[in-house]
Structures are given as C-alpha cells and as structure tokens.
Amino acid sequence: MRGAFGKPYSTAARVNIGQVLLSVRTKDSNKAVVIEALRRCKYKFPGRQKIIVSKKWGFTKLTRQEYVEARANGLVKPDGCHVKYLNTNGPLANHLKELAA
C-alpha cells in the first residue's frame, strides 16, 4: 500500500462546469444502446453528469432537417466526421469539378 495517504501520483483533467466530457456519434438504430452505455459510464466520474441528445447532424452545425435539404440541393458534401460546405463563388472550373466528383 505504498503511497496510500500521500500525494496523488498522476495528472487529472481540469474540467469546467458545463464542459462536454464525451461526445458520441451513432446511427439512430443504436441510440438506446448508446444512452444506456453513457448512463452507466457517468457513475465512473465524480459529480453530476447529464446526457444530452443533440438535434444536430453528426458533428456539424446543421440540424437534421437542414442537412437533408442542403445535401439534396448540393450545398454540402460528406467529408468523414464533418461536412464540406460547397459554395457557388469562384471559378466555374472548380465548381464543375465538385459536381463531377
């Protein structure tokens, strides 16, 4: 029991009140499983935690409805975890390359 009542050995994360600890992105079919996993996970952290289900699409700033409309209109393109916002400004050749891809 070396160091049982001594100073703490390692480092700890400094977390502010209201700061996001975990962020999970999943399919809608796995929503209940993820919420249950996060509910069990929050007992491992000191203090009170809230589980918040976002209205945004993935890690973007668009809501689900805005994302569906923007994707149908060709204003956004999936790019891994995020989306690439396409605009109509600039040379026509660049815009045509984006449309072809």
PDB file of N, CA and C in Angstrom:
ATOM      1  N   MET A   1       0.824  -1.188   0.000  1.00  0.00           N
ATOM      2  CA  MET A   1       0.000   0.000   0.000  1.00  0.00           C
ATOM      3  C   MET A   1       0.866   1.249   0.000  1.00  0.00           C
ATOM      4  N   ARG A   2       1.837   1.239  -0.856  1.00  0.00           N
ATOM      5  CA  ARG A   2       2.735   2.372  -0.918  1.00  0.00           C
ATOM      6  C   ARG A   2       1.990   3.621  -1.372  1.00  0.00           C
ATOM      7  N   GLY A   3       2.132   4.706  -0.677  1.00  0.00           N
ATOM      8  CA  GLY A   3       1.520   5.982  -1.065  1.00  0.00           C
ATOM      9  C   GLY A   3       0.016   6.024  -0.869  1.00  0.00           C
ATOM     10  N   ALA A   4      -0.503   5.247   0.094  1.00  0.00           N
ATOM     11  CA  ALA A   4      -1.958   5.180   0.250  1.00  0.00           C
ATOM     12  C   ALA A   4      -2.550   6.515   0.692  1.00  0.00           C
ATOM     13  N   PHE A   5      -1.873   7.253   1.546  1.00  0.00           N
ATOM     14  CA  PHE A   5      -2.412   8.519   2.038  1.00  0.00           C
ATOM     15  C   PHE A   5      -1.538   9.696   1.630  1.00  0.00           C
ATOM     16  N   GLY A   6      -0.690   9.510   0.642  1.00  0.00           N
ATOM     17  CA  GLY A   6       0.215  10.567   0.227  1.00  0.00           C
ATOM     18  C   GLY A   6      -0.378  11.449  -0.846  1.00  0.00           C
ATOM     19  N   LYS A   7       0.503  12.082  -1.572  1.00  0.00           N
ATOM     20  CA  LYS A   7       0.079  12.963  -2.651  1.00  0.00           C
ATOM     21  C   LYS A   7      -0.370  12.126  -3.855  1.00  0.00           C
ATOM     22  N   PRO A   8      -1.263  12.683  -4.673  1.00  0.00           N
ATOM     23  CA  PRO A   8      -1.653  11.938  -5.869  1.00  0.00           C
ATOM     24  C   PRO A   8      -0.483  11.835  -6.840  1.00  0.00           C
ATOM     25  N   TYR A   9      -0.375  10.702  -7.503  1.00  0.00           N
ATOM     26  CA  TYR A   9       0.744  10.431  -8.399  1.00  0.00           C
ATOM     27  C   TYR A   9       0.608  11.104  -9.752  1.00  0.00           C
ATOM     28  N   SER A  10      -0.527  10.894 -10.392  1.00  0.00           N
ATOM     29  CA  SER A  10      -0.632  11.255 -11.796  1.00  0.00           C
ATOM     30  C   SER A  10      -1.400  12.566 -11.989  1.00  0.00           C
ATOM     31  N   THR A  11      -1.680  12.848 -13.225  1.00  0.00           N
ATOM     32  CA  THR A  11      -2.386  14.076 -13.565  1.00  0.00           C
ATOM     33  C   THR A  11      -3.885  13.804 -13.693  1.00  0.00           C
ATOM     34  N   ALA A  12      -4.649  14.837 -13.639  1.00  0.00           N
ATOM     35  CA  ALA A  12      -6.092  14.725 -13.814  1.00  0.00           C
ATOM     36  C   ALA A  12      -6.549  15.820 -14.759  1.00  0.00           C
ATOM     37  N   ALA A  13      -7.650  15.576 -15.417  1.00  0.00           N
ATOM     38  CA  ALA A  13      -8.201  16.568 -16.336  1.00  0.00           C
ATOM     39  C   ALA A  13      -8.878  17.674 -15.544  1.00  0.00           C
ATOM     40  N   ARG A  14      -8.642  18.900 -15.927  1.00  0.00           N
ATOM     41  CA  ARG A  14      -9.329  20.034 -15.317  1.00  0.00           C
ATOM     42  C   ARG A  14     -10.545  20.329 -16.170  1.00  0.00           C
ATOM     43  N   VAL A  15     -11.704  20.143 -15.594  1.00  0.00           N
ATOM     44  CA  VAL A  15     -12.955  20.261 -16.337  1.00  0.00           C
ATOM     45  C   VAL A  15     -13.779  21.386 -15.731  1.00  0.00           C
ATOM     46  N   ASN A  16     -14.288  22.250 -16.575  1.00  0.00           N
ATOM     47  CA  ASN A  16     -15.152  23.335 -16.123  1.00  0.00           C
ATOM     48  C   ASN A  16     -16.595  22.854 -16.011  1.00  0.00           C
ATOM     49  N   ILE A  17     -17.396  23.586 -15.271  1.00  0.00           N
ATOM     50  CA  ILE A  17     -18.809  23.266 -15.142  1.00  0.00           C
ATOM     51  C   ILE A  17     -19.475  23.485 -16.497  1.00  0.00           C
ATOM     52  N   GLY A  18     -20.228  22.503 -16.944  1.00  0.00           N
ATOM     53  CA  GLY A  18     -20.915  22.594 -18.222  1.00  0.00           C
ATOM     54  C   GLY A  18     -20.079  22.163 -19.416  1.00  0.00           C
ATOM     55  N   GLN A  19     -18.848  21.739 -19.202  1.00  0.00           N
ATOM     56  CA  GLN A  19     -17.972  21.330 -20.303  1.00  0.00           C
ATOM     57  C   GLN A  19     -18.349  19.923 -20.766  1.00  0.00           C
ATOM     58  N   VAL A  20     -18.262  19.682 -22.071  1.00  0.00           N
ATOM     59  CA  VAL A  20     -18.593  18.385 -22.641  1.00  0.00           C
ATOM     60  C   VAL A  20     -17.460  17.409 -22.320  1.00  0.00           C
ATOM     61  N   LEU A  21     -17.816  16.262 -21.726  1.00  0.00           N
ATOM     62  CA  LEU A  21     -16.810  15.242 -21.399  1.00  0.00           C
ATOM     63  C   LEU A  21     -16.680  14.221 -22.518  1.00  0.00           C
ATOM     64  N   LEU A  22     -17.803  13.717 -22.999  1.00  0.00           N
ATOM     65  CA  LEU A  22     -17.807  12.718 -24.061  1.00  0.00           C
ATOM     66  C   LEU A  22     -18.786  13.143 -25.140  1.00  0.00           C
ATOM     67  N   SER A  23     -18.447  12.843 -26.379  1.00  0.00           N
ATOM     68  CA  SER A  23     -19.333  13.110 -27.493  1.00  0.00           C
ATOM     69  C   SER A  23     -19.354  11.866 -28.367  1.00  0.00           C
ATOM     70  N   VAL A  24     -20.541  11.338 -28.618  1.00  0.00           N
ATOM     71  CA  VAL A  24     -20.686  10.093 -29.363  1.00  0.00           C
ATOM     72  C   VAL A  24     -21.573  10.348 -30.567  1.00  0.00           C
ATOM     73  N   ARG A  25     -21.164   9.835 -31.713  1.00  0.00           N
ATOM     74  CA  ARG A  25     -21.982   9.918 -32.922  1.00  0.00           C
ATOM     75  C   ARG A  25     -22.330   8.498 -33.337  1.00  0.00           C
ATOM     76  N   THR A  26     -23.610   8.228 -33.542  1.00  0.00           N
ATOM     77  CA  THR A  26     -24.038   6.876 -33.870  1.00  0.00           C
ATOM     78  C   THR A  26     -25.262   6.911 -34.776  1.00  0.00           C
ATOM     79  N   LYS A  27     -25.614   5.754 -35.295  1.00  0.00           N
ATOM     80  CA  LYS A  27     -26.834   5.640 -36.092  1.00  0.00           C
ATOM     81  C   LYS A  27     -28.042   5.723 -35.170  1.00  0.00           C
ATOM     82  N   ASP A  28     -29.184   6.084 -35.750  1.00  0.00           N
ATOM     83  CA  ASP A  28     -30.402   6.208 -34.952  1.00  0.00           C
ATOM     84  C   ASP A  28     -30.828   4.870 -34.366  1.00  0.00           C
ATOM     85  N   SER A  29     -30.496   3.771 -35.033  1.00  0.00           N
ATOM     86  CA  SER A  29     -30.896   2.463 -34.530  1.00  0.00           C
ATOM     87  C   SER A  29     -30.151   2.089 -33.249  1.00  0.00           C
ATOM     88  N   ASN A  30     -28.984   2.690 -33.009  1.00  0.00           N
ATOM     89  CA  ASN A  30     -28.191   2.384 -31.813  1.00  0.00           C
ATOM     90  C   ASN A  30     -28.352   3.424 -30.709  1.00  0.00           C
ATOM     91  N   LYS A  31     -29.312   4.306 -30.841  1.00  0.00           N
ATOM     92  CA  LYS A  31     -29.461   5.416 -29.901  1.00  0.00           C
ATOM     93  C   LYS A  31     -29.714   4.931 -28.475  1.00  0.00           C
ATOM     94  N   ALA A  32     -30.604   3.971 -28.299  1.00  0.00           N
ATOM     95  CA  ALA A  32     -30.921   3.474 -26.954  1.00  0.00           C
ATOM     96  C   ALA A  32     -29.719   2.797 -26.312  1.00  0.00           C
ATOM     97  N   VAL A  33     -28.941   2.079 -27.086  1.00  0.00           N
ATOM     98  CA  VAL A  33     -27.760   1.385 -26.557  1.00  0.00           C
ATOM     99  C   VAL A  33     -26.713   2.388 -26.098  1.00  0.00           C
ATOM    100  N   VAL A  34     -26.516   3.446 -26.866  1.00  0.00           N
ATOM    101  CA  VAL A  34     -25.518   4.454 -26.511  1.00  0.00           C
ATOM    102  C   VAL A  34     -25.946   5.227 -25.266  1.00  0.00           C
ATOM    103  N   ILE A  35     -27.233   5.546 -25.169  1.00  0.00           N
ATOM    104  CA  ILE A  35     -27.710   6.266 -23.988  1.00  0.00           C
ATOM    105  C   ILE A  35     -27.531   5.413 -22.735  1.00  0.00           C
ATOM    106  N   GLU A  36     -27.801   4.120 -22.851  1.00  0.00           N
ATOM    107  CA  GLU A  36     -27.603   3.231 -21.699  1.00  0.00           C
ATOM    108  C   GLU A  36     -26.116   3.121 -21.337  1.00  0.00           C
ATOM    109  N   ALA A  37     -25.253   3.061 -22.341  1.00  0.00           N
ATOM    110  CA  ALA A  37     -23.814   2.993 -22.074  1.00  0.00           C
ATOM    111  C   ALA A  37     -23.319   4.267 -21.395  1.00  0.00           C
ATOM    112  N   LEU A  38     -23.795   5.417 -21.845  1.00  0.00           N
ATOM    113  CA  LEU A  38     -23.395   6.676 -21.220  1.00  0.00           C
ATOM    114  C   LEU A  38     -23.978   6.808 -19.809  1.00  0.00           C
ATOM    115  N   ARG A  39     -25.175   6.276 -19.600  1.00  0.00           N
ATOM    116  CA  ARG A  39     -25.765   6.301 -18.262  1.00  0.00           C
ATOM    117  C   ARG A  39     -24.912   5.495 -17.294  1.00  0.00           C
ATOM    118  N   ARG A  40     -24.432   4.335 -17.721  1.00  0.00           N
ATOM    119  CA  ARG A  40     -23.557   3.527 -16.871  1.00  0.00           C
ATOM    120  C   ARG A  40     -22.187   4.179 -16.707  1.00  0.00           C
ATOM    121  N   CYS A  41     -21.746   4.858 -17.737  1.00  0.00           N
ATOM    122  CA  CYS A  41     -20.428   5.491 -17.728  1.00  0.00           C
ATOM    123  C   CYS A  41     -20.366   6.659 -16.756  1.00  0.00           C
ATOM    124  N   LYS A  42     -21.467   7.372 -16.600  1.00  0.00           N
ATOM    125  CA  LYS A  42     -21.417   8.574 -15.774  1.00  0.00           C
ATOM    126  C   LYS A  42     -21.203   8.269 -14.297  1.00  0.00           C
ATOM    127  N   TYR A  43     -21.399   7.023 -13.873  1.00  0.00           N
ATOM    128  CA  TYR A  43     -21.117   6.653 -12.483  1.00  0.00           C
ATOM    129  C   TYR A  43     -19.617   6.569 -12.218  1.00  0.00           C
ATOM    130  N   LYS A  44     -18.820   6.507 -13.250  1.00  0.00           N
ATOM    131  CA  LYS A  44     -17.367   6.424 -13.096  1.00  0.00           C
ATOM    132  C   LYS A  44     -16.724   7.796 -12.889  1.00  0.00           C
ATOM    133  N   PHE A  45     -17.494   8.863 -13.086  1.00  0.00           N
ATOM    134  CA  PHE A  45     -16.981  10.210 -12.926  1.00  0.00           C
ATOM    135  C   PHE A  45     -17.570  10.844 -11.670  1.00  0.00           C
ATOM    136  N   PRO A  46     -16.784  11.607 -10.942  1.00  0.00           N
ATOM    137  CA  PRO A  46     -17.338  12.282  -9.767  1.00  0.00           C
ATOM    138  C   PRO A  46     -18.251  13.435 -10.186  1.00  0.00           C
ATOM    139  N   GLY A  47     -19.209  13.758  -9.335  1.00  0.00           N
ATOM    140  CA  GLY A  47     -20.121  14.853  -9.626  1.00  0.00           C
ATOM    141  C   GLY A  47     -21.340  14.380 -10.398  1.00  0.00           C
ATOM    142  N   ARG A  48     -22.110  15.341 -10.884  1.00  0.00           N
ATOM    143  CA  ARG A  48     -23.314  15.034 -11.647  1.00  0.00           C
ATOM    144  C   ARG A  48     -23.055  15.268 -13.124  1.00  0.00           C
ATOM    145  N   GLN A  49     -23.499  14.357 -13.945  1.00  0.00           N
ATOM    146  CA  GLN A  49     -23.390  14.495 -15.393  1.00  0.00           C
ATOM    147  C   GLN A  49     -24.773  14.382 -16.008  1.00  0.00           C
ATOM    148  N   LYS A  50     -24.933  15.052 -17.142  1.00  0.00           N
ATOM    149  CA  LYS A  50     -26.177  14.977 -17.897  1.00  0.00           C
ATOM    150  C   LYS A  50     -25.895  14.331 -19.241  1.00  0.00           C
ATOM    151  N   ILE A  51     -26.857  13.585 -19.730  1.00  0.00           N
ATOM    152  CA  ILE A  51     -26.774  13.018 -21.074  1.00  0.00           C
ATOM    153  C   ILE A  51     -27.699  13.856 -21.952  1.00  0.00           C
ATOM    154  N   ILE A  52     -27.129  14.481 -22.959  1.00  0.00           N
ATOM    155  CA  ILE A  52     -27.877  15.364 -23.839  1.00  0.00           C
ATOM    156  C   ILE A  52     -27.831  14.790 -25.247  1.00  0.00           C
ATOM    157  N   VAL A  53     -29.003  14.634 -25.854  1.00  0.00           N
ATOM    158  CA  VAL A  53     -29.091  14.168 -27.235  1.00  0.00           C
ATOM    159  C   VAL A  53     -29.223  15.403 -28.113  1.00  0.00           C
ATOM    160  N   SER A  54     -28.272  15.586 -29.002  1.00  0.00           N
ATOM    161  CA  SER A  54     -28.229  16.777 -29.835  1.00  0.00           C
ATOM    162  C   SER A  54     -29.218  16.681 -30.988  1.00  0.00           C
ATOM    163  N   LYS A  55     -29.678  17.839 -31.438  1.00  0.00           N
ATOM    164  CA  LYS A  55     -30.546  17.903 -32.602  1.00  0.00           C
ATOM    165  C   LYS A  55     -29.747  18.102 -33.886  1.00  0.00           C
ATOM    166  N   LYS A  56     -28.433  18.189 -33.752  1.00  0.00           N
ATOM    167  CA  LYS A  56     -27.567  18.416 -34.907  1.00  0.00           C
ATOM    168  C   LYS A  56     -27.275  17.114 -35.631  1.00  0.00           C
ATOM    169  N   TRP A  57     -26.819  17.225 -36.869  1.00  0.00           N
ATOM    170  CA  TRP A  57     -26.450  16.061 -37.664  1.00  0.00           C
ATOM    171  C   TRP A  57     -24.968  15.779 -37.439  1.00  0.00           C
ATOM    172  N   GLY A  58     -24.643  14.692 -36.759  1.00  0.00           N
ATOM    173  CA  GLY A  58     -23.252  14.328 -36.504  1.00  0.00           C
ATOM    174  C   GLY A  58     -22.545  15.417 -35.719  1.00  0.00           C
ATOM    175  N   PHE A  59     -21.367  15.804 -36.167  1.00  0.00           N
ATOM    176  CA  PHE A  59     -20.597  16.861 -35.515  1.00  0.00           C
ATOM    177  C   PHE A  59     -20.660  18.155 -36.319  1.00  0.00           C
ATOM    178  N   THR A  60     -21.750  18.364 -37.064  1.00  0.00           N
ATOM    179  CA  THR A  60     -21.885  19.568 -37.872  1.00  0.00           C
ATOM    180  C   THR A  60     -22.699  20.613 -37.119  1.00  0.00           C
ATOM    181  N   LYS A  61     -22.820  21.793 -37.695  1.00  0.00           N
ATOM    182  CA  LYS A  61     -23.634  22.849 -37.095  1.00  0.00           C
ATOM    183  C   LYS A  61     -25.037  22.886 -37.685  1.00  0.00           C
ATOM    184  N   LEU A  62     -25.373  21.919 -38.526  1.00  0.00           N
ATOM    185  CA  LEU A  62     -26.676  21.855 -39.170  1.00  0.00           C
ATOM    186  C   LEU A  62     -27.605  20.918 -38.409  1.00  0.00           C
ATOM    187  N   THR A  63     -28.887  21.280 -38.341  1.00  0.00           N
ATOM    188  CA  THR A  63     -29.866  20.360 -37.778  1.00  0.00           C
ATOM    189  C   THR A  63     -30.117  19.242 -38.782  1.00  0.00           C
ATOM    190  N   ARG A  64     -30.832  18.221 -38.363  1.00  0.00           N
ATOM    191  CA  ARG A  64     -31.077  17.083 -39.246  1.00  0.00           C
ATOM    192  C   ARG A  64     -31.836  17.502 -40.505  1.00  0.00           C
ATOM    193  N   GLN A  65     -32.881  18.317 -40.328  1.00  0.00           N
ATOM    194  CA  GLN A  65     -33.678  18.756 -41.469  1.00  0.00           C
ATOM    195  C   GLN A  65     -32.857  19.644 -42.404  1.00  0.00           C
ATOM    196  N   GLU A  66     -32.061  20.560 -41.840  1.00  0.00           N
ATOM    197  CA  GLU A  66     -31.215  21.428 -42.671  1.00  0.00           C
ATOM    198  C   GLU A  66     -30.193  20.608 -43.451  1.00  0.00           C
ATOM    199  N   TYR A  67     -29.640  19.559 -42.825  1.00  0.00           N
ATOM    200  CA  TYR A  67     -28.645  18.730 -43.507  1.00  0.00           C
ATOM    201  C   TYR A  67     -29.269  17.996 -44.689  1.00  0.00           C
ATOM    202  N   VAL A  68     -30.455  17.425 -44.496  1.00  0.00           N
ATOM    203  CA  VAL A  68     -31.110  16.695 -45.587  1.00  0.00           C
ATOM    204  C   VAL A  68     -31.400  17.633 -46.752  1.00  0.00           C
ATOM    205  N   GLU A  69     -31.887  18.839 -46.456  1.00  0.00           N
ATOM    206  CA  GLU A  69     -32.178  19.804 -47.522  1.00  0.00           C
ATOM    207  C   GLU A  69     -30.905  20.267 -48.217  1.00  0.00           C
ATOM    208  N   ALA A  70     -29.859  20.567 -47.448  1.00  0.00           N
ATOM    209  CA  ALA A  70     -28.615  21.050 -48.042  1.00  0.00           C
ATOM    210  C   ALA A  70     -27.946  19.972 -48.886  1.00  0.00           C
ATOM    211  N   ARG A  71     -28.030  18.715 -48.445  1.00  0.00           N
ATOM    212  CA  ARG A  71     -27.417  17.629 -49.216  1.00  0.00           C
ATOM    213  C   ARG A  71     -28.189  17.405 -50.514  1.00  0.00           C
ATOM    214  N   ALA A  72     -29.515  17.514 -50.455  1.00  0.00           N
ATOM    215  CA  ALA A  72     -30.324  17.346 -51.670  1.00  0.00           C
ATOM    216  C   ALA A  72     -30.057  18.481 -52.660  1.00  0.00           C
ATOM    217  N   ASN A  73     -29.798  19.683 -52.159  1.00  0.00           N
ATOM    218  CA  ASN A  73     -29.526  20.834 -53.028  1.00  0.00           C
ATOM    219  C   ASN A  73     -28.065  20.911 -53.462  1.00  0.00           C
ATOM    220  N   GLY A  74     -27.207  20.051 -52.938  1.00  0.00           N
ATOM    221  CA  GLY A  74     -25.799  20.047 -53.316  1.00  0.00           C
ATOM    222  C   GLY A  74     -24.983  21.123 -52.624  1.00  0.00           C
ATOM    223  N   LEU A  75     -25.423  21.610 -51.463  1.00  0.00           N
ATOM    224  CA  LEU A  75     -24.688  22.649 -50.747  1.00  0.00           C
ATOM    225  C   LEU A  75     -23.655  22.080 -49.792  1.00  0.00           C
ATOM    226  N   VAL A  76     -23.802  20.820 -49.397  1.00  0.00           N
ATOM    227  CA  VAL A  76     -22.825  20.168 -48.517  1.00  0.00           C
ATOM    228  C   VAL A  76     -22.451  18.820 -49.102  1.00  0.00           C
ATOM    229  N   LYS A  77     -21.260  18.375 -48.731  1.00  0.00           N
ATOM    230  CA  LYS A  77     -20.758  17.086 -49.183  1.00  0.00           C
ATOM    231  C   LYS A  77     -20.166  16.377 -47.976  1.00  0.00           C
ATOM    232  N   PRO A  78     -20.492  15.102 -47.723  1.00  0.00           N
ATOM    233  CA  PRO A  78     -19.911  14.400 -46.578  1.00  0.00           C
ATOM    234  C   PRO A  78     -18.393  14.342 -46.690  1.00  0.00           C
ATOM    235  N   ASP A  79     -17.726  14.559 -45.547  1.00  0.00           N
ATOM    236  CA  ASP A  79     -16.263  14.593 -45.527  1.00  0.00           C
ATOM    237  C   ASP A  79     -15.785  13.977 -44.220  1.00  0.00           C
ATOM    238  N   GLY A  80     -15.940  12.658 -44.081  1.00  0.00           N
ATOM    239  CA  GLY A  80     -15.532  11.989 -42.849  1.00  0.00           C
ATOM    240  C   GLY A  80     -16.513  12.284 -41.733  1.00  0.00           C
ATOM    241  N   CYS A  81     -16.021  12.785 -40.616  1.00  0.00           N
ATOM    242  CA  CYS A  81     -16.891  13.106 -39.479  1.00  0.00           C
ATOM    243  C   CYS A  81     -17.668  14.389 -39.701  1.00  0.00           C
ATOM    244  N   HIS A  82     -17.200  15.247 -40.558  1.00  0.00           N
ATOM    245  CA  HIS A  82     -17.807  16.551 -40.762  1.00  0.00           C
ATOM    246  C   HIS A  82     -18.376  16.621 -42.177  1.00  0.00           C
ATOM    247  N   VAL A  83     -18.765  17.798 -42.586  1.00  0.00           N
ATOM    248  CA  VAL A  83     -19.223  18.009 -43.952  1.00  0.00           C
ATOM    249  C   VAL A  83     -18.427  19.148 -44.567  1.00  0.00           C
ATOM    250  N   LYS A  84     -18.336  19.125 -45.875  1.00  0.00           N
ATOM    251  CA  LYS A  84     -17.681  20.210 -46.605  1.00  0.00           C
ATOM    252  C   LYS A  84     -18.781  21.096 -47.165  1.00  0.00           C
ATOM    253  N   TYR A  85     -18.721  22.375 -46.832  1.00  0.00           N
ATOM    254  CA  TYR A  85     -19.718  23.331 -47.304  1.00  0.00           C
ATOM    255  C   TYR A  85     -19.298  23.826 -48.678  1.00  0.00           C
ATOM    256  N   LEU A  86     -20.133  23.591 -49.670  1.00  0.00           N
ATOM    257  CA  LEU A  86     -19.840  23.986 -51.041  1.00  0.00           C
ATOM    258  C   LEU A  86     -20.536  25.309 -51.334  1.00  0.00           C
ATOM    259  N   ASN A  87     -19.814  26.219 -51.974  1.00  0.00           N
ATOM    260  CA  ASN A  87     -20.427  27.485 -52.357  1.00  0.00           C
ATOM    261  C   ASN A  87     -20.355  27.643 -53.864  1.00  0.00           C
ATOM    262  N   THR A  88     -21.050  28.619 -54.367  1.00  0.00           N
ATOM    263  CA  THR A  88     -21.112  28.824 -55.811  1.00  0.00           C
ATOM    264  C   THR A  88     -20.173  29.924 -56.276  1.00  0.00           C
ATOM    265  N   ASN A  89     -19.368  30.469 -55.373  1.00  0.00           N
ATOM    266  CA  ASN A  89     -18.413  31.515 -55.757  1.00  0.00           C
ATOM    267  C   ASN A  89     -17.132  30.882 -56.266  1.00  0.00           C
ATOM    268  N   GLY A  90     -16.365  31.637 -57.033  1.00  0.00           N
ATOM    269  CA  GLY A  90     -15.084  31.174 -57.530  1.00  0.00           C
ATOM    270  C   GLY A  90     -15.156  30.765 -58.991  1.00  0.00           C
ATOM    271  N   PRO A  91     -14.051  30.220 -59.507  1.00  0.00           N
ATOM    272  CA  PRO A  91     -14.009  29.828 -60.920  1.00  0.00           C
ATOM    273  C   PRO A  91     -15.017  28.716 -61.235  1.00  0.00           C
ATOM    274  N   LEU A  92     -15.563  28.765 -62.429  1.00  0.00           N
ATOM    275  CA  LEU A  92     -16.544  27.777 -62.852  1.00  0.00           C
ATOM    276  C   LEU A  92     -15.919  26.390 -62.956  1.00  0.00           C
ATOM    277  N   ALA A  93     -14.642  26.310 -63.318  1.00  0.00           N
ATOM    278  CA  ALA A  93     -13.973  25.013 -63.450  1.00  0.00           C
ATOM    279  C   ALA A  93     -13.927  24.276 -62.108  1.00  0.00           C
ATOM    280  N   ASN A  94     -13.680  25.004 -61.022  1.00  0.00           N
ATOM    281  CA  ASN A  94     -13.659  24.360 -59.704  1.00  0.00           C
ATOM    282  C   ASN A  94     -15.041  23.839 -59.323  1.00  0.00           C
ATOM    283  N   HIS A  95     -16.073  24.600 -59.638  1.00  0.00           N
ATOM    284  CA  HIS A  95     -17.443  24.192 -59.314  1.00  0.00           C
ATOM    285  C   HIS A  95     -17.826  22.957 -60.109  1.00  0.00           C
ATOM    286  N   LEU A  96     -17.429  22.901 -61.372  1.00  0.00           N
ATOM    287  CA  LEU A  96     -17.753  21.731 -62.200  1.00  0.00           C
ATOM    288  C   LEU A  96     -17.013  20.496 -61.724  1.00  0.00           C
ATOM    289  N   LYS A  97     -15.777  20.666 -61.214  1.00  0.00           N
ATOM    290  CA  LYS A  97     -15.037  19.519 -60.651  1.00  0.00           C
ATOM    291  C   LYS A  97     -15.749  18.966 -59.426  1.00  0.00           C
ATOM    292  N   GLU A  98     -16.286  19.839 -58.581  1.00  0.00           N
ATOM    293  CA  GLU A  98     -17.009  19.396 -57.395  1.00  0.00           C
ATOM    294  C   GLU A  98     -18.287  18.651 -57.781  1.00  0.00           C
ATOM    295  N   LEU A  99     -18.979  19.123 -58.806  1.00  0.00           N
ATOM    296  CA  LEU A  99     -20.197  18.464 -59.240  1.00  0.00           C
ATOM    297  C   LEU A  99     -19.917  17.101 -59.842  1.00  0.00           C
ATOM    298  N   ALA A 100     -18.791  16.972 -60.548  1.00  0.00           N
ATOM    299  CA  ALA A 100     -18.440  15.695 -61.185  1.00  0.00           C
ATOM    300  C   ALA A 100     -18.010  14.657 -60.149  1.00  0.00           C
ATOM    301  N   ALA A 101     -17.432  15.115 -59.064  1.00  0.00           N
ATOM    302  CA  ALA A 101     -16.917  14.168 -58.056  1.00  0.00           C
ATOM    303  C   ALA A 101     -17.977  13.602 -57.168  1.00  0.00           C
TER     304      ALA A 101
END
